Protein backbone atom coordinates (compact mmCIF):
# COMPACT_ATOMS: atom_id res chain seq x y z
CA MET A 1 159.19 139.94 186.24
CA LYS A 2 162.30 140.97 183.99
CA LYS A 3 164.65 139.06 185.74
CA THR A 4 162.34 135.98 185.50
CA PHE A 5 162.03 136.41 181.81
CA PHE A 6 165.86 136.54 181.30
CA THR A 7 166.42 133.59 183.54
CA GLY A 8 164.00 131.67 181.41
CA LEU A 9 165.49 132.63 178.28
CA LEU A 10 168.98 131.89 179.64
CA VAL A 11 167.91 128.38 180.56
CA ALA A 12 166.35 127.88 177.15
CA LEU A 13 169.54 128.85 175.47
CA ILE A 14 171.58 126.36 177.60
CA LEU A 15 169.17 123.53 176.86
CA VAL A 16 169.23 124.48 173.09
CA THR A 17 173.17 124.36 173.17
CA ILE A 18 173.29 121.12 175.13
CA GLY A 19 170.97 119.63 172.58
CA VAL A 20 172.87 120.65 169.75
CA GLN A 21 176.16 119.49 171.22
CA GLY A 22 174.55 116.02 172.08
CA PHE A 23 173.27 115.75 168.53
CA ALA A 24 176.85 116.21 167.18
CA GLN A 25 178.29 113.79 169.63
CA ASN A 26 175.96 111.19 168.57
CA LYS A 27 176.71 111.49 164.93
CA LYS A 28 179.91 109.56 164.82
CA TYR A 29 180.12 109.36 161.03
CA SER A 30 178.79 111.19 157.92
CA ILE A 31 175.33 111.85 156.71
CA TYR A 32 176.06 109.63 153.65
CA TYR A 33 177.18 106.75 156.26
CA TYR A 34 173.65 106.60 157.79
CA ARG A 35 171.95 106.91 154.79
CA ARG A 36 173.69 103.82 153.59
CA ALA A 37 173.86 101.99 156.75
CA THR A 38 170.16 102.45 157.39
CA LEU A 39 169.44 101.09 153.90
CA PHE A 40 171.56 98.26 154.37
CA GLU A 41 169.73 97.41 157.53
CA LYS A 42 166.57 96.90 155.46
CA LEU A 43 168.16 94.95 152.65
CA SER A 44 168.54 91.22 153.11
CA VAL A 45 171.73 89.18 152.92
CA ASN A 46 171.28 85.54 152.73
CA SER A 47 173.72 82.36 152.41
CA ASN A 48 173.88 82.43 148.69
CA ASP A 49 175.16 86.08 148.66
CA ILE A 50 178.76 87.38 148.24
CA VAL A 51 179.38 90.59 150.19
CA PHE A 52 181.72 93.17 149.17
CA LEU A 53 182.58 95.18 152.40
CA GLY A 54 184.58 98.53 152.56
CA ASN A 55 184.73 102.24 151.91
CA SER A 56 184.23 104.52 148.75
CA ILE A 57 186.78 102.24 146.66
CA THR A 58 184.33 99.47 147.15
CA ASP A 59 181.16 101.69 147.17
CA GLY A 60 182.30 102.82 143.79
CA ALA A 61 181.70 99.62 141.65
CA GLU A 62 178.86 97.92 140.39
CA TRP A 63 180.03 94.45 141.41
CA ASN A 64 177.20 92.25 140.47
CA GLU A 65 177.39 93.76 136.87
CA LEU A 66 181.16 93.28 136.70
CA PHE A 67 180.73 89.69 137.52
CA ASP A 68 177.44 89.21 136.02
CA ASN A 69 176.11 87.81 139.32
CA PRO A 70 172.90 89.23 140.97
CA ASN A 71 173.95 87.47 144.38
CA ILE A 72 176.90 89.91 144.80
CA LYS A 73 176.00 92.58 147.37
CA ASN A 74 177.71 95.88 147.57
CA ARG A 75 178.11 96.90 151.26
CA GLY A 76 180.63 99.71 150.61
CA ILE A 77 180.26 103.21 152.18
CA SER A 78 182.24 106.07 151.17
CA GLY A 79 184.50 107.49 153.74
CA ASP A 80 184.03 104.37 156.09
CA ILE A 81 186.64 103.35 158.64
CA THR A 82 187.15 100.12 160.46
CA GLN A 83 185.10 100.97 163.46
CA GLY A 84 182.37 102.06 161.08
CA ILE A 85 182.12 98.78 159.71
CA LEU A 86 182.09 97.18 163.24
CA ASP A 87 179.09 99.59 164.04
CA ARG A 88 177.13 98.36 160.98
CA ILE A 89 178.17 94.67 160.68
CA GLU A 90 175.37 92.85 162.42
CA PRO A 91 172.80 92.86 159.34
CA ILE A 92 175.59 91.36 157.06
CA VAL A 93 176.73 88.85 159.68
CA SER A 94 173.30 87.77 160.59
CA GLY A 95 172.66 86.92 156.94
CA LYS A 96 175.47 84.36 156.74
CA PRO A 97 176.61 85.13 153.26
CA ALA A 98 178.69 82.66 151.43
CA LYS A 99 181.73 84.82 150.88
CA LEU A 100 183.06 88.20 152.07
CA PHE A 101 185.46 90.28 150.30
CA LEU A 102 186.91 92.87 152.64
CA MET A 103 189.11 95.83 152.04
CA ILE A 104 189.18 98.70 154.67
CA GLY A 105 191.95 100.86 156.29
CA ILE A 106 192.97 103.90 154.08
CA ASN A 107 190.42 106.32 155.72
CA ASP A 108 191.63 105.25 159.21
CA MET A 109 195.33 106.07 157.96
CA SER A 110 194.16 109.52 156.80
CA ARG A 111 192.69 110.30 160.26
CA SER A 112 196.09 109.24 162.00
CA ILE A 113 194.46 106.20 163.79
CA GLU A 114 197.23 104.00 165.00
CA GLN A 115 198.09 100.99 162.74
CA ASP A 116 197.60 98.39 165.73
CA THR A 117 194.12 99.64 166.16
CA ILE A 118 193.38 99.43 162.47
CA VAL A 119 194.56 95.85 162.35
CA GLY A 120 193.02 95.14 165.59
CA ASN A 121 189.65 96.28 164.34
CA ILE A 122 190.02 94.28 161.09
CA ALA A 123 190.68 91.33 163.34
CA LYS A 124 187.45 92.02 165.22
CA ILE A 125 185.51 92.25 161.74
CA ILE A 126 186.83 88.69 160.93
CA ASP A 127 186.26 87.40 164.42
CA ALA A 128 182.56 88.59 164.09
CA PHE A 129 182.08 86.40 160.94
CA GLN A 130 183.96 83.48 162.20
CA SER A 131 182.05 83.33 165.35
CA LYS A 132 178.38 83.99 164.10
CA SER A 133 178.75 82.93 160.58
CA PRO A 134 181.44 80.21 160.39
CA ASP A 135 180.60 79.09 156.95
CA THR A 136 181.31 82.37 155.38
CA LYS A 137 184.58 82.37 153.27
CA ILE A 138 186.55 85.44 154.01
CA TYR A 139 188.95 86.97 151.49
CA LEU A 140 191.03 89.82 153.05
CA GLN A 141 192.23 92.25 150.48
CA SER A 142 195.31 94.32 150.56
CA ILE A 143 194.73 98.23 150.74
CA LEU A 144 195.46 99.72 147.49
CA PRO A 145 198.28 102.17 146.73
CA VAL A 146 197.67 105.91 146.65
CA ASN A 147 199.30 108.65 144.45
CA ASP A 148 200.49 111.90 146.00
CA ALA A 149 200.85 113.59 142.59
CA PHE A 150 197.24 114.39 142.84
CA THR A 151 196.03 117.30 145.29
CA ASN A 152 192.56 115.91 145.84
CA PHE A 153 193.09 113.85 148.82
CA LYS A 154 196.28 115.18 150.60
CA LYS A 155 195.66 113.28 153.77
CA HIS A 156 195.28 110.10 152.22
CA ALA A 157 198.19 110.67 149.88
CA ALA A 158 200.39 111.38 152.89
CA CYS A 159 199.95 107.72 153.80
CA LEU A 160 201.93 106.76 150.68
CA LYS A 161 204.58 104.82 152.50
CA GLN A 162 202.48 103.56 155.39
CA VAL A 163 200.15 101.60 152.91
CA PRO A 164 202.86 98.82 152.09
CA GLU A 165 203.64 98.48 155.85
CA ILE A 166 199.99 98.21 157.13
CA ASN A 167 199.54 95.46 154.33
CA LYS A 168 202.40 93.42 155.86
CA ASP A 169 200.45 93.19 159.14
CA ILE A 170 197.22 92.64 157.28
CA LYS A 171 198.71 89.65 155.60
CA LYS A 172 200.02 88.23 158.74
CA LEU A 173 196.49 88.61 160.25
CA ALA A 174 195.03 86.63 157.39
CA ALA A 175 197.52 83.88 157.99
CA LYS A 176 196.70 83.92 161.79
CA LYS A 177 192.96 83.72 161.21
CA LYS A 178 193.37 81.26 158.39
CA ILE A 179 191.50 83.21 155.81
CA THR A 180 192.58 84.02 152.14
CA TYR A 181 194.54 87.23 151.70
CA ILE A 182 194.61 88.69 148.06
CA ASP A 183 197.57 90.99 147.54
CA LEU A 184 196.04 93.56 145.19
CA PHE A 185 198.72 96.28 145.92
CA PRO A 186 201.60 95.38 143.21
CA HIS A 187 198.89 95.18 140.47
CA PHE A 188 197.90 98.85 140.91
CA THR A 189 201.21 100.53 141.20
CA ASN A 190 203.15 102.50 138.48
CA ASP A 191 206.86 102.06 137.67
CA SER A 192 207.69 103.50 141.15
CA GLY A 193 206.27 100.26 142.90
CA ILE A 194 204.50 102.31 145.62
CA GLN A 195 202.34 104.89 143.65
CA LEU A 196 198.89 104.05 142.45
CA ASN A 197 199.01 103.99 138.58
CA GLU A 198 197.80 107.13 136.87
CA SER A 199 195.93 104.91 134.44
CA TYR A 200 193.60 103.54 137.15
CA THR A 201 192.65 106.97 138.92
CA ASN A 202 191.72 110.41 138.45
CA ASP A 203 192.28 111.76 141.90
CA GLY A 204 195.08 109.81 143.45
CA LEU A 205 192.75 107.57 145.61
CA HIS A 206 189.68 106.34 143.83
CA LEU A 207 189.46 103.96 141.03
CA ILE A 208 188.15 104.60 137.28
CA GLY A 209 186.61 102.06 135.31
CA GLU A 210 189.84 100.64 134.18
CA GLY A 211 191.05 100.14 137.67
CA TYR A 212 187.91 98.11 138.55
CA LEU A 213 188.55 95.92 135.46
CA VAL A 214 191.95 95.13 136.82
CA TRP A 215 190.45 94.33 140.22
CA ARG A 216 187.79 92.09 138.80
CA ASP A 217 190.32 90.21 136.62
CA LEU A 218 192.37 89.58 139.91
CA ILE A 219 189.71 88.12 142.07
CA VAL A 220 187.23 86.69 139.50
CA ASP A 221 188.58 83.04 140.35
CA TYR A 222 187.97 83.60 144.07
CA VAL A 223 184.24 84.98 143.28
CA ASN A 224 183.71 81.91 141.26
CA GLU A 225 185.39 79.09 143.14
């Protein structure tokens, strides 16, 4: 009787452990990612829309207000990586938006994901639109600089010198895919030519209001064309 009880208890503990491990393995991304991604699955995108797609730097703006355009849809998710976008891209692609503004990659770099993998995943994002929504005009934006004088995001700041290098590959990719490349990077640096301007950030990674106004002014003609 006692042996049966302990055997049953052991089996139960094993099943619970397996269940917890399975749950953890199934959750590839953050709670916030799933909160936003499941919402985006329910929100429509149509052929009149302009979609801004990316991570927290995109997520942090009120794009439709910045451009006074209700057809602009923000599909940024804080913490997102290139694979994360690939895993949630279908509701956006199927809506066949008029334009797509894409910026992604800094979180991949902070996780030490290989540069070839990052660029390869960006290529897959572009391919998805070009094959399933060929009329979508794609604007591939450079990754913004970071600033290692701040201590908030040390892993991101450690990518300081890598950002210009990956932007070179992103620019080549845009040319290969025959899409528009927007080089934002030099407009956001301080006198060093590589560090994110302290006037545009309060943590070395994300933009404050002034930074978003600079971004808006740099792309307004692309948004309105």
